[in-house]
Amino acid sequence: MPLPLPNLDDRDYADLVEMARSLIPSECPEWTDHNPSDTGIILIELFAWLTELLLYQTNQVPEKSQEVFLQLLKGDATWKKPENQSLQAATKETILALRQRYRAVTVVDYETLVMENFKVGRVKAFENRNLTKPQPTDAGHISLVVVPQDPFAALNSTLQTDIGNFLEERRLLGTKHHVVSPEYVKVSITAELYLESGRVFDQVKAAGINQLKQFFAPLLGGENKQGWPFGRAVYISEIYQQLDQIDGVDYVKNNVVVEVESPGQGKVPLRDYQWQAHQLVQLDQPNLTHAGTHN
């Protein structure tokens, strides 16, 4: 929706005369004759009339001036409106071009530019981080974690280079960026299920495995189905919740075991793991067993 133009012609002749009259006592106290026949009043009315004409002209922006404004917006002093294009269409085209994101300044800029110009599944940018180093904290660096459309596949090196070159022209001076693959933390889940009477365990097991995989999926997981959040911890209570809502599950036995294993580390209990902001979950095949049937 276009912004409404301000009305610069909001005072008429009578307003201007009255405004000038009201200033006489404070500006010139010895002036006491305010009758229309007074020379000073005649001059006030004359100047009010001339001012009203100027205000009217101020409210009218000629086409030539609008073309000059468009030249300034485009940054091209030689630009001319095409003969087959109306001034209104040229203005709309220029404004739409200005609204398009080009510079990469904030992390949102980086994420949006990559998502709009490359076929990737998901992007997360981290400011003051250099994820190519063991100690990633680094002022002036931006790291972009790019999740491919096939999330667990390796990030294509050509795509990685293309994204880096694309952002090079758009970054701020002094900023360095790094395009990296996601760092996945393997999560294994072991749980025992009590089933409702008459349920087939293999069917319930398959539904439970699918439910957990969808919940932790990098692209469509999480509570909002927009992908499991980067750096978000895994909670056992949520695993109980996901399994309890499976059709055929009566309840989950209170001994769910969750272990995690990040790159270069062995498996550790969930409670002992410190999640990093750039990490995602890679769920191993859940180990669901039949604990019994509730009659």
Protein backbone atom coordinates (compact mmCIF):
# COMPACT_ATOMS: atom_id res chain seq x y z
CA MET A 1 0.00 0.00 0.00
CA PRO A 2 1.59 3.35 -1.04
CA LEU A 3 2.30 5.96 1.60
CA PRO A 4 -0.15 8.91 1.45
CA LEU A 5 1.46 12.15 0.31
CA PRO A 6 1.48 14.91 2.96
CA ASN A 7 -0.85 17.85 2.37
CA LEU A 8 1.44 20.90 2.30
CA ASP A 9 -1.40 23.27 1.36
CA ASP A 10 -3.31 23.12 4.67
CA ARG A 11 -3.60 26.90 5.34
CA ASP A 12 -5.77 29.26 3.34
CA TYR A 13 -5.77 33.06 2.95
CA ALA A 14 -7.95 33.69 6.03
CA ASP A 15 -5.72 31.47 8.23
CA LEU A 16 -2.59 33.32 7.12
CA VAL A 17 -4.11 36.79 7.72
CA GLU A 18 -5.35 35.80 11.17
CA MET A 19 -1.98 34.27 12.08
CA ALA A 20 -0.17 37.48 11.09
CA ARG A 21 -2.68 39.69 12.96
CA SER A 22 -2.19 37.64 16.15
CA LEU A 23 1.55 38.38 16.10
CA ILE A 24 1.17 42.19 16.00
CA PRO A 25 0.76 42.78 19.79
CA SER A 26 3.90 40.83 20.68
CA GLU A 27 6.08 41.88 17.74
CA CYS A 28 5.00 45.54 17.39
CA PRO A 29 3.00 46.76 20.42
CA GLU A 30 2.88 50.39 19.18
CA TRP A 31 0.89 49.25 16.13
CA THR A 32 -2.66 49.73 17.31
CA ASP A 33 -4.64 50.43 14.14
CA HIS A 34 -5.74 47.04 12.77
CA ASN A 35 -8.47 48.29 10.46
CA PRO A 36 -8.54 47.02 6.83
CA SER A 37 -7.66 50.53 5.64
CA ASP A 38 -4.38 50.49 7.57
CA THR A 39 -1.34 50.25 5.28
CA GLY A 40 0.20 47.51 7.39
CA ILE A 41 -2.97 45.41 7.28
CA ILE A 42 -3.11 45.90 3.51
CA LEU A 43 0.46 44.55 3.25
CA ILE A 44 -0.40 41.58 5.49
CA GLU A 45 -3.33 40.69 3.26
CA LEU A 46 -1.18 41.07 0.15
CA PHE A 47 1.55 38.78 1.52
CA ALA A 48 -1.08 36.28 2.72
CA TRP A 49 -2.42 36.10 -0.82
CA LEU A 50 1.08 35.56 -2.26
CA THR A 51 1.86 32.93 0.41
CA GLU A 52 -1.32 31.04 -0.40
CA LEU A 53 -0.21 30.88 -4.05
CA LEU A 54 3.20 29.53 -3.03
CA LEU A 55 1.66 26.90 -0.74
CA TYR A 56 -0.55 25.71 -3.58
CA GLN A 57 2.50 25.32 -5.83
CA THR A 58 4.39 23.49 -3.07
CA ASN A 59 1.63 20.92 -2.95
CA GLN A 60 1.99 20.27 -6.68
CA VAL A 61 5.06 18.22 -7.70
CA PRO A 62 5.58 18.54 -11.48
CA GLU A 63 6.51 15.49 -13.54
CA LYS A 64 9.96 16.87 -14.28
CA SER A 65 10.71 17.05 -10.56
CA GLN A 66 9.44 13.50 -10.06
CA GLU A 67 11.79 12.27 -12.78
CA VAL A 68 14.69 14.00 -11.02
CA PHE A 69 13.70 12.27 -7.77
CA LEU A 70 13.66 8.92 -9.58
CA GLN A 71 17.16 9.63 -10.92
CA LEU A 72 18.34 10.23 -7.35
CA LEU A 73 16.70 7.02 -6.12
CA LYS A 74 18.22 5.00 -8.95
CA GLY A 75 21.63 6.61 -8.49
CA ASP A 76 21.82 7.34 -12.21
CA ALA A 77 21.80 11.00 -13.27
CA THR A 78 21.42 9.98 -16.94
CA TRP A 79 18.29 7.87 -16.38
CA LYS A 80 15.28 8.81 -18.50
CA LYS A 81 11.77 7.48 -18.24
CA PRO A 82 10.96 5.19 -21.19
CA GLU A 83 8.52 6.82 -23.58
CA ASN A 84 6.16 3.84 -23.46
CA GLN A 85 6.02 3.86 -19.63
CA SER A 86 3.92 6.13 -17.46
CA LEU A 87 5.50 8.11 -14.65
CA GLN A 88 3.36 6.24 -12.13
CA ALA A 89 4.59 2.88 -13.45
CA ALA A 90 8.21 4.05 -13.38
CA THR A 91 7.79 5.23 -9.79
CA LYS A 92 6.25 1.91 -8.73
CA GLU A 93 9.04 -0.04 -10.45
CA THR A 94 11.71 2.04 -8.70
CA ILE A 95 10.14 1.71 -5.26
CA LEU A 96 9.76 -2.07 -5.64
CA ALA A 97 13.42 -2.32 -6.65
CA LEU A 98 14.43 -0.36 -3.55
CA ARG A 99 12.47 -2.74 -1.34
CA GLN A 100 14.36 -5.76 -2.62
CA ARG A 101 17.00 -6.96 -0.18
CA TYR A 102 20.52 -6.63 -1.57
CA ARG A 103 23.03 -5.83 1.16
CA ALA A 104 23.93 -8.45 3.77
CA VAL A 105 24.10 -6.48 7.01
CA THR A 106 22.17 -8.44 9.65
CA VAL A 107 21.93 -12.21 10.14
CA VAL A 108 18.37 -11.99 8.77
CA ASP A 109 19.77 -10.41 5.59
CA TYR A 110 22.20 -13.29 5.14
CA GLU A 111 19.56 -15.94 5.73
CA THR A 112 16.98 -14.30 3.46
CA LEU A 113 19.42 -13.69 0.59
CA VAL A 114 20.56 -17.31 0.57
CA MET A 115 17.04 -18.74 0.81
CA GLU A 116 15.76 -16.47 -2.00
CA ASN A 117 18.61 -17.14 -4.42
CA PHE A 118 19.67 -20.76 -3.82
CA LYS A 119 17.92 -24.11 -3.62
CA VAL A 120 18.65 -25.10 -0.06
CA GLY A 121 16.52 -26.53 2.70
CA ARG A 122 17.35 -24.14 5.47
CA VAL A 123 19.92 -21.52 6.56
CA LYS A 124 20.96 -20.25 9.96
CA ALA A 125 23.45 -17.39 10.35
CA PHE A 126 25.53 -16.82 13.49
CA GLU A 127 27.16 -13.46 14.13
CA ASN A 128 30.65 -13.14 15.61
CA ARG A 129 31.24 -16.83 14.96
CA ASN A 130 33.79 -18.62 12.78
CA LEU A 131 32.61 -22.21 12.74
CA THR A 132 35.63 -23.30 10.69
CA LYS A 133 37.73 -22.98 13.88
CA PRO A 134 37.70 -25.16 17.02
CA GLN A 135 37.08 -22.01 19.09
CA PRO A 136 34.35 -20.37 16.99
CA THR A 137 33.95 -17.03 18.79
CA ASP A 138 35.43 -14.41 16.46
CA ALA A 139 34.32 -10.77 16.20
CA GLY A 140 33.47 -9.53 12.71
CA HIS A 141 32.80 -13.03 11.34
CA ILE A 142 29.47 -14.44 10.15
CA SER A 143 28.99 -18.20 9.84
CA LEU A 144 26.15 -19.56 7.72
CA VAL A 145 25.05 -23.11 8.42
CA VAL A 146 23.39 -24.32 5.23
CA VAL A 147 21.12 -27.36 5.43
CA PRO A 148 20.73 -28.98 1.98
CA GLN A 149 17.34 -30.03 0.66
CA ASP A 150 18.47 -33.56 1.50
CA PRO A 151 19.36 -32.60 5.08
CA PHE A 152 21.79 -35.38 6.00
CA ALA A 153 23.69 -35.28 2.69
CA ALA A 154 27.02 -33.48 2.47
CA LEU A 155 26.82 -29.85 1.37
CA ASN A 156 27.82 -29.61 -2.29
CA SER A 157 31.19 -27.88 -2.56
CA THR A 158 30.15 -26.00 -5.73
CA LEU A 159 27.01 -24.71 -4.00
CA GLN A 160 29.10 -23.75 -0.99
CA THR A 161 31.48 -21.73 -3.18
CA ASP A 162 28.63 -20.09 -5.11
CA ILE A 163 26.95 -18.93 -1.91
CA GLY A 164 30.23 -17.52 -0.61
CA ASN A 165 30.91 -15.61 -3.84
CA PHE A 166 27.34 -14.33 -3.97
CA LEU A 167 27.59 -12.89 -0.45
CA GLU A 168 31.06 -11.46 -1.04
CA GLU A 169 29.58 -8.66 -3.17
CA ARG A 170 26.93 -7.88 -0.57
CA ARG A 171 28.75 -8.01 2.77
CA LEU A 172 29.84 -4.98 4.77
CA LEU A 173 33.48 -3.95 4.61
CA GLY A 174 35.42 -5.65 7.38
CA THR A 175 32.97 -8.54 7.68
CA LYS A 176 34.07 -12.06 6.84
CA HIS A 177 31.64 -14.87 6.22
CA HIS A 178 31.93 -18.65 6.21
CA VAL A 179 29.55 -21.14 4.61
CA VAL A 180 29.57 -24.45 6.48
CA SER A 181 27.67 -27.72 6.70
CA PRO A 182 25.46 -28.47 9.69
CA GLU A 183 26.99 -30.17 12.72
CA TYR A 184 24.76 -33.06 13.68
CA VAL A 185 24.56 -34.64 17.11
CA LYS A 186 23.47 -38.26 17.02
CA VAL A 187 20.69 -39.05 19.44
CA SER A 188 19.65 -42.62 20.31
CA ILE A 189 16.40 -43.45 22.09
CA THR A 190 15.44 -46.68 23.84
CA ALA A 191 11.91 -47.05 25.19
CA GLU A 192 9.45 -49.76 26.23
CA LEU A 193 5.83 -49.42 25.25
CA TYR A 194 2.71 -50.85 26.86
CA LEU A 195 0.02 -51.30 24.23
CA GLU A 196 -3.74 -51.18 24.30
CA SER A 197 -5.54 -54.49 24.04
CA GLY A 198 -5.71 -55.94 20.55
CA ARG A 199 -2.94 -53.79 19.07
CA VAL A 200 -0.23 -55.19 16.80
CA PHE A 201 3.19 -54.17 18.12
CA ASP A 202 4.93 -53.96 14.73
CA GLN A 203 2.41 -51.41 13.50
CA VAL A 204 2.60 -49.35 16.67
CA LYS A 205 6.41 -49.52 16.61
CA ALA A 206 6.57 -48.26 13.02
CA ALA A 207 4.24 -45.37 13.88
CA GLY A 208 6.35 -44.51 16.94
CA ILE A 209 9.60 -44.48 14.98
CA ASN A 210 8.05 -42.30 12.29
CA GLN A 211 6.66 -39.90 14.91
CA LEU A 212 10.07 -39.42 16.56
CA LYS A 213 11.87 -38.97 13.23
CA GLN A 214 9.39 -36.31 12.16
CA PHE A 215 9.66 -34.49 15.48
CA PHE A 216 13.47 -34.22 15.30
CA ALA A 217 13.67 -33.66 11.52
CA PRO A 218 15.99 -30.77 10.49
CA LEU A 219 13.58 -29.35 7.90
CA LEU A 220 10.06 -30.15 9.09
CA GLY A 221 10.53 -31.00 12.76
CA GLY A 222 9.97 -29.11 15.97
CA GLU A 223 6.75 -27.84 17.45
CA ASN A 224 6.10 -25.40 14.59
CA LYS A 225 7.03 -27.88 11.81
CA GLN A 226 9.69 -25.44 10.51
CA GLY A 227 12.63 -27.66 11.42
CA TRP A 228 14.21 -28.69 14.70
CA PRO A 229 15.68 -25.47 16.17
CA PHE A 230 19.45 -25.05 16.06
CA GLY A 231 21.08 -25.63 19.43
CA ARG A 232 17.86 -26.70 21.14
CA ALA A 233 18.27 -29.30 23.84
CA VAL A 234 16.41 -32.63 23.75
CA TYR A 235 14.09 -33.30 26.68
CA ILE A 236 12.98 -36.77 27.78
CA SER A 237 9.56 -35.38 28.69
CA GLU A 238 8.99 -34.52 25.03
CA ILE A 239 9.88 -38.06 23.98
CA TYR A 240 7.27 -39.42 26.39
CA GLN A 241 4.78 -36.93 24.96
CA GLN A 242 5.48 -37.93 21.36
CA LEU A 243 5.19 -41.66 22.09
CA ASP A 244 2.10 -41.30 24.30
CA GLN A 245 0.12 -39.76 21.44
CA ILE A 246 0.73 -42.74 19.14
CA ASP A 247 -2.48 -44.61 18.39
CA GLY A 248 -2.32 -47.94 20.24
CA VAL A 249 0.14 -46.91 22.96
CA ASP A 250 -1.39 -47.18 26.43
CA TYR A 251 1.66 -45.72 28.21
CA VAL A 252 5.44 -45.62 28.06
CA LYS A 253 7.42 -47.42 30.73
CA ASN A 254 9.33 -45.05 32.98
CA ASN A 255 12.82 -46.03 31.86
CA VAL A 256 13.40 -44.19 28.57
CA VAL A 257 17.15 -43.99 27.85
CA VAL A 258 18.52 -41.16 25.67
CA GLU A 259 22.18 -40.90 24.69
CA VAL A 260 23.92 -38.33 22.51
CA GLU A 261 27.11 -38.44 20.47
CA SER A 262 28.56 -35.35 18.80
CA PRO A 263 31.34 -35.55 16.18
CA GLY A 264 34.59 -36.84 17.71
CA GLN A 265 32.98 -37.80 21.03
CA GLY A 266 31.61 -41.03 22.41
CA LYS A 267 28.09 -41.54 23.64
CA VAL A 268 27.15 -39.73 26.84
CA PRO A 269 23.88 -39.55 28.79
CA LEU A 270 21.57 -36.77 27.71
CA ARG A 271 21.87 -34.93 31.04
CA ASP A 272 25.67 -34.61 30.64
CA TYR A 273 25.69 -33.07 27.18
CA GLN A 274 26.16 -29.34 26.55
CA TRP A 275 24.43 -28.28 23.34
CA GLN A 276 26.08 -25.75 21.03
CA ALA A 277 24.06 -23.06 19.26
CA HIS A 278 24.88 -24.34 15.74
CA GLN A 279 24.04 -28.03 16.29
CA LEU A 280 21.10 -30.08 15.03
CA VAL A 281 19.75 -33.50 15.98
CA GLN A 282 20.37 -36.60 13.87
CA LEU A 283 18.16 -39.32 15.27
CA ASP A 284 19.39 -42.91 15.18
CA GLN A 285 16.83 -45.63 14.58
CA PRO A 286 14.81 -45.59 17.83
CA ASN A 287 14.85 -48.85 19.77
CA LEU A 288 11.23 -49.43 20.76
CA THR A 289 10.34 -52.70 22.52
CA HIS A 290 7.10 -54.31 23.66
CA ALA A 291 6.76 -54.17 27.43
CA GLY A 292 3.29 -55.70 27.55
CA THR A 293 -0.41 -55.17 26.83
CA HIS A 294 -2.84 -53.41 29.09
CA ASN A 295 -6.11 -55.32 29.38
